[in-house]
Amino acid sequence: MAGNTEPEIIFSNLTQDVVIDGHRFTVEIYRTSDDPSWILSVENAFGTLTILDNPPYFADGLAWRAFEKLLDEQGFRAFYSAKERRKLRL
């Protein structure tokens, strides 16, 4: 059917791998071709995703600032579950 195509995923130029205090994270900022809102996704070394999309980010830079704000407020621990923090002894 012509109307059932999947939307295209559009990644921001701000998508990148970052290392914070020796911990590597993949930060992806993306949206779909049918929704102008950006989504922030952070993957830790265990492959666990933290996805932030509420409130929706109306610009990719706002999503990046939300990532930075969460780091400022909670540190990199915000991207690990309690079980993962115990494994890492954080």
C-alpha atoms as a PDB file:
ATOM      1  CA  MET A   1       0.000   0.000   0.000  1.00  0.00           C
ATOM      2  CA  ALA A   2       1.247   3.432  -0.888  1.00  0.00           C
ATOM      3  CA  GLY A   3       0.314   5.143   2.411  1.00  0.00           C
ATOM      4  CA  ASN A   4       2.010   2.663   4.772  1.00  0.00           C
ATOM      5  CA  THR A   5       5.653   3.689   4.416  1.00  0.00           C
ATOM      6  CA  GLU A   6       7.746   3.990   7.551  1.00  0.00           C
ATOM      7  CA  PRO A   7       8.843   7.522   8.429  1.00  0.00           C
ATOM      8  CA  GLU A   8      12.489   8.381   7.869  1.00  0.00           C
ATOM      9  CA  ILE A   9      14.657   8.814  10.981  1.00  0.00           C
ATOM     10  CA  ILE A  10      16.627  12.054  10.851  1.00  0.00           C
ATOM     11  CA  PHE A  11      19.677  12.327  13.130  1.00  0.00           C
ATOM     12  CA  SER A  12      20.945  15.654  14.419  1.00  0.00           C
ATOM     13  CA  ASN A  13      24.527  16.736  13.827  1.00  0.00           C
ATOM     14  CA  LEU A  14      24.749  16.812  17.637  1.00  0.00           C
ATOM     15  CA  THR A  15      24.585  12.993  17.780  1.00  0.00           C
ATOM     16  CA  GLN A  16      27.913  11.730  19.123  1.00  0.00           C
ATOM     17  CA  ASP A  17      29.796   9.448  21.479  1.00  0.00           C
ATOM     18  CA  VAL A  18      30.965  11.142  24.658  1.00  0.00           C
ATOM     19  CA  VAL A  19      33.283  10.035  27.446  1.00  0.00           C
ATOM     20  CA  ILE A  20      32.570  11.402  30.911  1.00  0.00           C
ATOM     21  CA  ASP A  21      34.953  10.469  33.724  1.00  0.00           C
ATOM     22  CA  GLY A  22      35.989   7.364  31.791  1.00  0.00           C
ATOM     23  CA  HIS A  23      32.412   6.293  31.012  1.00  0.00           C
ATOM     24  CA  ARG A  24      31.403   6.122  27.338  1.00  0.00           C
ATOM     25  CA  PHE A  25      27.904   7.092  26.258  1.00  0.00           C
ATOM     26  CA  THR A  26      26.270   7.283  22.852  1.00  0.00           C
ATOM     27  CA  VAL A  27      24.089  10.378  22.661  1.00  0.00           C
ATOM     28  CA  GLU A  28      21.587  10.340  19.815  1.00  0.00           C
ATOM     29  CA  ILE A  29      19.275  13.206  19.000  1.00  0.00           C
ATOM     30  CA  TYR A  30      16.775  12.376  16.301  1.00  0.00           C
ATOM     31  CA  ARG A  31      13.291  12.885  14.956  1.00  0.00           C
ATOM     32  CA  THR A  32      11.134  11.258  12.352  1.00  0.00           C
ATOM     33  CA  SER A  33      10.157  12.750   9.030  1.00  0.00           C
ATOM     34  CA  ASP A  34       6.517  12.946  10.153  1.00  0.00           C
ATOM     35  CA  ASP A  35       7.111  14.620  13.565  1.00  0.00           C
ATOM     36  CA  PRO A  36       9.143  17.805  14.082  1.00  0.00           C
ATOM     37  CA  SER A  37       9.878  17.033  17.767  1.00  0.00           C
ATOM     38  CA  TRP A  38      13.370  15.819  18.661  1.00  0.00           C
ATOM     39  CA  ILE A  39      14.097  12.844  20.918  1.00  0.00           C
ATOM     40  CA  LEU A  40      17.143  12.475  23.148  1.00  0.00           C
ATOM     41  CA  SER A  41      18.491   8.948  23.629  1.00  0.00           C
ATOM     42  CA  VAL A  42      21.543   8.109  25.758  1.00  0.00           C
ATOM     43  CA  GLU A  43      23.019   4.595  25.667  1.00  0.00           C
ATOM     44  CA  ASN A  44      25.422   3.498  28.394  1.00  0.00           C
ATOM     45  CA  ALA A  45      28.174   0.845  28.241  1.00  0.00           C
ATOM     46  CA  PHE A  46      25.677  -1.885  29.212  1.00  0.00           C
ATOM     47  CA  GLY A  47      23.468  -1.012  26.238  1.00  0.00           C
ATOM     48  CA  THR A  48      20.750   0.492  28.435  1.00  0.00           C
ATOM     49  CA  LEU A  49      18.882   3.388  26.849  1.00  0.00           C
ATOM     50  CA  THR A  50      17.648   6.478  28.606  1.00  0.00           C
ATOM     51  CA  ILE A  51      15.130   8.163  26.318  1.00  0.00           C
ATOM     52  CA  LEU A  52      13.944  11.688  26.979  1.00  0.00           C
ATOM     53  CA  ASP A  53      11.128  13.081  24.865  1.00  0.00           C
ATOM     54  CA  ASN A  54       8.773  14.662  27.370  1.00  0.00           C
ATOM     55  CA  PRO A  55       8.415  17.528  27.010  1.00  0.00           C
ATOM     56  CA  PRO A  56       9.117  17.287  23.303  1.00  0.00           C
ATOM     57  CA  TYR A  57      12.197  19.168  22.154  1.00  0.00           C
ATOM     58  CA  PHE A  58      11.381  21.600  19.381  1.00  0.00           C
ATOM     59  CA  ALA A  59      15.037  21.967  18.383  1.00  0.00           C
ATOM     60  CA  ASP A  60      17.960  19.581  18.524  1.00  0.00           C
ATOM     61  CA  GLY A  61      19.961  22.111  20.526  1.00  0.00           C
ATOM     62  CA  LEU A  62      17.288  22.065  23.228  1.00  0.00           C
ATOM     63  CA  ALA A  63      17.621  18.286  23.471  1.00  0.00           C
ATOM     64  CA  TRP A  64      21.401  18.648  23.834  1.00  0.00           C
ATOM     65  CA  ARG A  65      20.920  21.235  26.574  1.00  0.00           C
ATOM     66  CA  ALA A  66      18.594  18.811  28.392  1.00  0.00           C
ATOM     67  CA  PHE A  67      21.409  16.228  28.275  1.00  0.00           C
ATOM     68  CA  GLU A  68      23.865  18.761  29.701  1.00  0.00           C
ATOM     69  CA  LYS A  69      21.394  19.829  32.399  1.00  0.00           C
ATOM     70  CA  LEU A  70      20.825  16.239  33.507  1.00  0.00           C
ATOM     71  CA  LEU A  71      24.605  15.770  33.701  1.00  0.00           C
ATOM     72  CA  ASP A  72      24.949  18.938  35.785  1.00  0.00           C
ATOM     73  CA  GLU A  73      22.147  17.930  38.154  1.00  0.00           C
ATOM     74  CA  GLN A  74      22.742  14.168  38.541  1.00  0.00           C
ATOM     75  CA  GLY A  75      26.071  13.387  36.919  1.00  0.00           C
ATOM     76  CA  PHE A  76      26.707  10.434  34.634  1.00  0.00           C
ATOM     77  CA  ARG A  77      25.009   8.158  37.195  1.00  0.00           C
ATOM     78  CA  ALA A  78      21.695   9.361  35.749  1.00  0.00           C
ATOM     79  CA  PHE A  79      22.316   7.084  32.760  1.00  0.00           C
ATOM     80  CA  TYR A  80      22.855   3.898  34.794  1.00  0.00           C
ATOM     81  CA  SER A  81      20.232   1.813  36.593  1.00  0.00           C
ATOM     82  CA  ALA A  82      20.688   1.033  40.292  1.00  0.00           C
ATOM     83  CA  LYS A  83      21.821  -2.507  39.390  1.00  0.00           C
ATOM     84  CA  GLU A  84      24.355  -1.166  36.882  1.00  0.00           C
ATOM     85  CA  ARG A  85      25.671   1.342  39.446  1.00  0.00           C
ATOM     86  CA  ARG A  86      26.259  -1.541  41.896  1.00  0.00           C
ATOM     87  CA  LYS A  87      28.185  -3.458  39.216  1.00  0.00           C
ATOM     88  CA  LEU A  88      30.330  -0.402  38.600  1.00  0.00           C
ATOM     89  CA  ARG A  89      30.521   0.386  42.346  1.00  0.00           C
ATOM     90  CA  LEU A  90      29.332   3.947  41.818  1.00  0.00           C
END
